[in-house]
Protein backbone atom coordinates (compact mmCIF):
# COMPACT_ATOMS: atom_id res chain seq x y z
CA UNK A 1 -26.48 2.03 -6.07
CA UNK A 2 -23.45 4.12 -6.96
CA UNK A 3 -20.72 4.47 -4.37
CA UNK A 4 -18.87 7.61 -3.35
CA UNK A 5 -15.40 8.04 -4.87
CA UNK A 6 -14.27 10.77 -2.47
CA UNK A 7 -15.15 10.79 1.22
CA UNK A 8 -13.42 11.57 4.50
CA UNK A 9 -14.71 9.28 7.22
CA UNK A 10 -12.94 11.40 9.83
CA UNK A 11 -14.99 14.53 9.05
CA UNK A 12 -18.63 15.18 9.93
CA UNK A 13 -19.89 17.89 7.55
CA UNK A 14 -20.15 20.42 10.38
CA UNK A 15 -16.80 21.57 11.78
CA UNK A 16 -13.56 19.84 10.91
CA UNK A 17 -11.67 20.56 14.12
CA UNK A 18 -14.33 19.01 16.35
CA UNK A 19 -14.71 16.07 13.97
CA UNK A 20 -10.99 15.32 14.03
CA UNK A 21 -10.84 15.82 17.79
CA UNK A 22 -13.40 13.03 18.24
CA UNK A 23 -10.61 10.64 17.18
CA UNK A 24 -7.77 12.33 19.06
CA UNK A 25 -6.78 9.25 21.10
CA UNK A 26 -7.71 6.56 18.61
CA UNK A 27 -10.30 6.01 15.86
CA UNK A 28 -13.80 6.00 17.34
CA UNK A 29 -15.19 2.63 16.25
CA UNK A 30 -18.73 3.46 17.30
CA UNK A 31 -18.81 6.56 15.11
CA UNK A 32 -17.22 4.77 12.17
CA UNK A 33 -19.67 1.89 12.48
CA UNK A 34 -22.63 4.27 12.60
CA UNK A 35 -21.58 5.84 9.29
CA UNK A 36 -20.80 2.50 7.67
CA UNK A 37 -24.19 1.14 8.72
CA UNK A 38 -25.89 4.16 7.18
CA UNK A 39 -24.00 3.66 3.92
CA UNK A 40 -24.95 -0.04 3.93
CA UNK A 41 -28.61 0.78 4.59
CA UNK A 42 -28.56 3.13 1.60
CA UNK A 43 -27.31 0.29 -0.59
CA UNK A 44 -23.75 1.62 -0.93
CA UNK A 45 -21.12 -1.07 -1.45
CA UNK A 46 -18.08 0.98 -2.56
CA UNK A 47 -16.26 3.90 -0.93
CA UNK A 48 -12.96 5.62 -1.72
CA UNK A 49 -11.61 7.67 1.19
CA UNK A 50 -9.18 10.57 0.80
CA UNK A 51 -7.39 9.54 3.99
CA UNK A 52 -6.43 11.25 7.25
CA UNK A 53 -3.57 11.45 9.74
CA UNK A 54 -5.49 9.76 12.59
CA UNK A 55 -5.87 6.28 11.04
CA UNK A 56 -9.65 6.68 10.82
CA UNK A 57 -9.88 5.65 7.17
CA UNK A 58 -7.40 2.85 7.87
CA UNK A 59 -9.66 1.51 10.62
CA UNK A 60 -12.77 2.06 8.50
CA UNK A 61 -11.33 -0.14 5.75
CA UNK A 62 -11.11 -3.03 8.20
CA UNK A 63 -14.57 -2.49 9.69
CA UNK A 64 -16.19 -1.97 6.29
CA UNK A 65 -15.88 -5.67 5.48
CA UNK A 66 -18.51 -6.40 8.13
CA UNK A 67 -20.93 -4.11 6.29
CA UNK A 68 -20.34 -5.53 2.82
CA UNK A 69 -18.50 -2.39 1.69
CA UNK A 70 -15.40 -2.40 -0.51
CA UNK A 71 -13.40 0.44 1.06
CA UNK A 72 -10.27 1.94 -0.49
CA UNK A 73 -7.91 4.36 1.27
CA UNK A 74 -4.50 5.98 0.84
CA UNK A 75 -4.32 5.83 4.68
CA UNK A 76 -3.19 9.47 4.83
CA UNK A 77 -2.85 12.21 2.20
CA UNK A 78 0.60 13.67 1.67
CA UNK A 79 1.36 17.39 1.48
CA UNK A 80 4.47 19.55 1.46
CA UNK A 81 5.43 21.14 4.76
CA UNK A 82 3.98 24.64 4.97
CA UNK A 83 1.38 24.07 2.28
CA UNK A 84 -2.30 23.14 2.27
CA UNK A 85 -3.16 19.81 3.87
CA UNK A 86 -1.77 20.03 7.41
CA UNK A 87 -5.20 19.65 9.03
CA UNK A 88 -5.73 16.18 7.60
CA UNK A 89 -2.50 14.83 6.13
CA UNK A 90 1.15 14.02 6.72
CA UNK A 91 3.92 16.35 5.57
CA UNK A 92 7.27 15.95 3.86
CA UNK A 93 9.95 18.65 3.79
CA UNK A 94 12.29 17.04 1.26
CA UNK A 95 12.18 14.15 -1.18
CA UNK A 96 13.78 11.72 1.26
CA UNK A 97 10.96 12.54 3.66
CA UNK A 98 8.45 11.87 0.92
CA UNK A 99 10.01 8.47 0.24
CA UNK A 100 9.76 7.63 3.93
CA UNK A 101 6.04 8.43 3.87
CA UNK A 102 5.62 6.12 0.89
CA UNK A 103 7.43 3.44 2.88
CA UNK A 104 4.83 3.90 5.65
CA UNK A 105 2.02 3.55 3.14
CA UNK A 106 3.52 0.32 1.86
CA UNK A 107 3.70 -1.10 5.38
CA UNK A 108 0.06 -0.15 5.94
CA UNK A 109 -0.95 -1.65 2.58
CA UNK A 110 -2.36 1.61 1.24
CA UNK A 111 -4.59 1.15 -1.79
CA UNK A 112 -3.25 4.24 -3.59
CA UNK A 113 -1.41 7.52 -2.96
CA UNK A 114 -3.14 10.85 -2.44
CA UNK A 115 -1.16 14.06 -2.96
CA UNK A 116 -2.15 17.62 -2.08
CA UNK A 117 -0.51 19.72 -4.81
CA UNK A 118 -2.46 22.99 -4.85
CA UNK A 119 -4.40 25.34 -2.65
CA UNK A 120 -8.07 25.19 -1.78
CA UNK A 121 -10.84 27.07 -3.56
CA UNK A 122 -11.34 30.43 -1.84
CA UNK A 123 -15.13 30.36 -1.64
CA UNK A 124 -15.29 33.96 -0.45
CA UNK A 125 -13.85 35.41 -3.68
CA UNK A 126 -14.37 34.56 -7.35
CA UNK A 127 -11.72 32.64 -9.29
CA UNK A 128 -9.26 32.53 -6.40
CA UNK A 129 -7.20 29.81 -4.72
CA UNK A 130 -5.85 30.01 -1.20
CA UNK A 131 -2.27 29.45 -2.44
CA UNK A 132 -0.35 28.63 -5.63
CA UNK A 133 0.38 25.06 -6.64
CA UNK A 134 3.65 23.26 -6.09
CA UNK A 135 6.05 23.71 -8.98
CA UNK A 136 5.61 21.44 -11.97
CA UNK A 137 8.92 19.56 -11.60
CA UNK A 138 8.12 18.65 -8.01
CA UNK A 139 4.61 17.47 -8.87
CA UNK A 140 5.99 15.30 -11.66
CA UNK A 141 8.62 13.79 -9.36
CA UNK A 142 6.11 13.02 -6.60
CA UNK A 143 3.72 11.23 -8.94
CA UNK A 144 6.52 9.45 -10.78
CA UNK A 145 7.93 8.04 -7.53
CA UNK A 146 4.50 6.79 -6.45
CA UNK A 147 4.02 5.14 -9.85
CA UNK A 148 7.43 3.49 -9.59
CA UNK A 149 6.19 1.86 -6.39
CA UNK A 150 3.08 0.50 -8.06
CA UNK A 151 0.50 3.02 -6.82
CA UNK A 152 -2.26 4.82 -8.66
CA UNK A 153 -2.33 8.49 -7.64
CA UNK A 154 -5.21 10.76 -6.64
CA UNK A 155 -4.37 14.48 -6.53
CA UNK A 156 -6.11 17.32 -4.77
CA UNK A 157 -5.55 19.85 -7.54
CA UNK A 158 -7.06 23.16 -8.61
CA UNK A 159 -5.87 25.46 -11.37
CA UNK A 160 -4.18 24.80 -14.71
CA UNK A 161 -0.63 24.70 -13.35
CA UNK A 162 -1.25 21.89 -10.86
CA UNK A 163 -3.51 19.83 -13.10
CA UNK A 164 -1.27 20.16 -16.17
CA UNK A 165 1.75 19.01 -14.18
CA UNK A 166 -0.23 16.06 -12.84
CA UNK A 167 -1.39 15.12 -16.32
CA UNK A 168 2.22 15.31 -17.56
CA UNK A 169 3.07 12.68 -14.94
CA UNK A 170 0.17 10.41 -15.95
CA UNK A 171 -1.92 10.91 -12.82
CA UNK A 172 -4.96 8.64 -12.55
CA UNK A 173 -7.41 10.92 -10.71
CA UNK A 174 -7.92 14.68 -10.34
CA UNK A 175 -10.08 15.78 -7.40
CA UNK A 176 -11.92 19.14 -7.37
CA UNK A 177 -10.29 20.70 -10.46
CA UNK A 178 -11.55 24.26 -10.19
CA UNK A 179 -10.54 27.08 -12.56
CA UNK A 180 -9.39 24.92 -15.46
CA UNK A 181 -9.02 26.25 -18.98
CA UNK A 182 -10.54 24.61 -22.03
CA UNK A 183 -7.07 23.42 -23.05
CA UNK A 184 -6.60 21.59 -19.75
CA UNK A 185 -10.11 20.16 -19.83
CA UNK A 186 -9.56 18.83 -23.35
CA UNK A 187 -6.32 17.23 -22.32
CA UNK A 188 -7.92 15.64 -19.28
CA UNK A 189 -10.63 14.25 -21.54
CA UNK A 190 -8.14 13.00 -24.16
CA UNK A 191 -6.02 11.19 -21.56
CA UNK A 192 -9.15 9.68 -19.95
CA UNK A 193 -7.92 10.91 -16.57
CA UNK A 194 -10.66 10.51 -13.98
CA UNK A 195 -12.09 13.85 -12.86
CA UNK A 196 -13.99 13.90 -9.57
CA UNK A 197 -15.28 17.50 -9.37
CA UNK A 198 -16.89 17.27 -5.88
CA UNK A 199 -19.67 19.68 -6.77
CA UNK A 200 -21.39 19.20 -3.40
CA UNK A 201 -18.66 21.22 -1.71
CA UNK A 202 -19.75 24.16 -3.86
CA UNK A 203 -23.51 23.67 -4.06
CA UNK A 204 -24.38 22.48 -0.58
CA UNK A 205 -23.06 25.57 1.29
CA UNK A 206 -25.39 27.83 -0.72
CA UNK A 207 -27.72 29.51 1.76
CA UNK A 208 -25.63 28.69 4.83
CA UNK A 209 -24.28 32.22 5.16
CA UNK A 210 -20.67 31.10 5.42
CA UNK A 211 -19.69 32.24 1.92
CA UNK A 212 -21.24 34.67 -0.57
CA UNK A 213 -24.01 32.82 -2.39
CA UNK A 214 -23.28 34.71 -5.60
CA UNK A 215 -19.74 33.35 -5.66
CA UNK A 216 -20.93 29.81 -4.97
CA UNK A 217 -23.68 29.89 -7.58
CA UNK A 218 -21.34 31.24 -10.24
CA UNK A 219 -18.67 28.65 -9.50
CA UNK A 220 -21.19 25.80 -9.44
CA UNK A 221 -22.57 26.83 -12.84
CA UNK A 222 -19.05 27.11 -14.27
CA UNK A 223 -18.04 23.71 -12.95
CA UNK A 224 -21.19 22.02 -14.23
CA UNK A 225 -20.56 23.48 -17.68
CA UNK A 226 -16.99 22.20 -17.59
CA UNK A 227 -18.13 18.74 -16.46
CA UNK A 228 -20.50 18.63 -19.43
CA UNK A 229 -17.70 19.77 -21.75
CA UNK A 230 -15.28 17.07 -20.57
CA UNK A 231 -17.96 14.38 -20.90
CA UNK A 232 -18.90 15.54 -24.38
CA UNK A 233 -15.24 15.18 -25.36
CA UNK A 234 -14.94 11.61 -24.13
CA UNK A 235 -13.67 12.29 -20.63
CA UNK A 236 -14.17 10.26 -17.47
CA UNK A 237 -16.31 11.82 -14.71
CA UNK A 238 -16.72 10.27 -11.26
CA UNK A 239 -19.19 10.74 -8.43
CA UNK A 240 -17.27 11.85 -5.36
CA UNK A 241 -18.92 14.20 -2.90
CA UNK A 242 -16.03 14.95 -0.49
CA UNK A 243 -18.41 13.71 2.22
CA UNK A 244 -17.45 15.18 5.57
CA UNK A 245 -16.69 18.62 4.14
CA UNK A 246 -18.80 21.57 5.28
CA UNK A 247 -22.50 20.80 4.72
CA UNK A 248 -21.65 17.59 2.84
CA UNK A 249 -23.07 14.86 5.11
CA UNK A 250 -22.07 11.24 4.80
CA UNK A 251 -24.54 9.11 2.88
CA UNK A 252 -26.92 11.86 1.83
CA UNK A 253 -24.09 13.51 -0.10
CA UNK A 254 -24.18 10.76 -2.73
CA UNK A 255 -27.67 11.88 -3.73
CA UNK A 256 -26.62 15.53 -3.59
CA UNK A 257 -23.61 14.93 -5.83
CA UNK A 258 -25.65 12.82 -8.23
CA UNK A 259 -28.11 15.70 -8.56
CA UNK A 260 -25.41 18.23 -9.41
CA UNK A 261 -23.77 15.87 -11.89
CA UNK A 262 -26.97 14.77 -13.57
CA UNK A 263 -27.88 18.42 -14.17
CA UNK A 264 -24.65 18.65 -16.17
CA UNK A 265 -24.52 15.20 -17.78
CA UNK A 266 -28.17 14.57 -18.60
CA UNK A 267 -29.19 11.22 -20.05
CA UNK A 268 -25.65 9.79 -19.98
CA UNK A 269 -25.25 10.31 -16.20
CA UNK A 270 -25.67 6.72 -15.04
CA UNK A 271 -23.56 5.25 -17.81
CA UNK A 272 -20.66 7.66 -17.19
CA UNK A 273 -20.69 7.42 -13.41
CA UNK A 274 -20.96 3.64 -13.40
CA UNK A 275 -18.02 3.38 -15.82
CA UNK A 276 -15.94 5.70 -13.63
CA UNK A 277 -16.64 3.62 -10.54
CA UNK A 278 -15.66 0.48 -12.41
CA UNK A 279 -12.38 2.16 -13.41
CA UNK A 280 -11.61 3.10 -9.80
CA UNK A 281 -12.30 -0.43 -8.57
CA UNK A 282 -9.79 -1.75 -11.10
CA UNK A 283 -7.12 0.92 -10.77
CA UNK A 284 -7.04 2.15 -7.18
CA UNK A 285 -5.71 -0.95 -5.49
CA UNK A 286 -2.01 -1.59 -5.14
CA UNK A 287 -0.71 -4.82 -6.59
């Protein structure tokens, strides 16, 4: 069975504050084991976590060995102070601070680096992000420094500005990738940069009443069309659900994400997703 290339073990798919609070003193082994056992029982043997600031993914990587699961984590995602990511990541305020965070990742034997370089999709309004991206020079410098230290880089990135800057720096993986132009999509395909569109975060909340369904349905359709376009132009598409996000439950979300992707990719779904997982297994491990 395919694994999930983007999860957050710390989150529960219901309410992020309560989910994080469950680990406020230390990672809750019982909760982590329950989720790992469910993944194992579903036949899942590979997971890539987006990380967290409470060492939950770090602990999960250790426990996962008991369940026959190859578990990769950046330990914690990195964001710029005052920008999106504070609820789950660690912040830097200047480049020296960023280097110190990379030093911490090295000591913890992080498998890769995750950077938060843009805002979140504003699901309440069409074609809107919650904030602009970091500037292109800063994005390039962040990725370049991580590469110099031997890490592959995963970026939380939406919008042309963030994704183009990441592609300029040779980023290995773009997560989410909403509101991208045809030019950016073609470049992502030509560079064979992994795109993990996390369609479950858009499709699964439909009908929940939290966001306007019309906005969600339109965005889902747009993203599926863009996924198909990238695949048709030789791009690399990965199955990552963002499990733990609102209405994206661990385990079940793999099937949900597969459904959204297969609607876009058709007969080539299994071949493309299996190849992407193979790429991640090779590339997202330091050293």
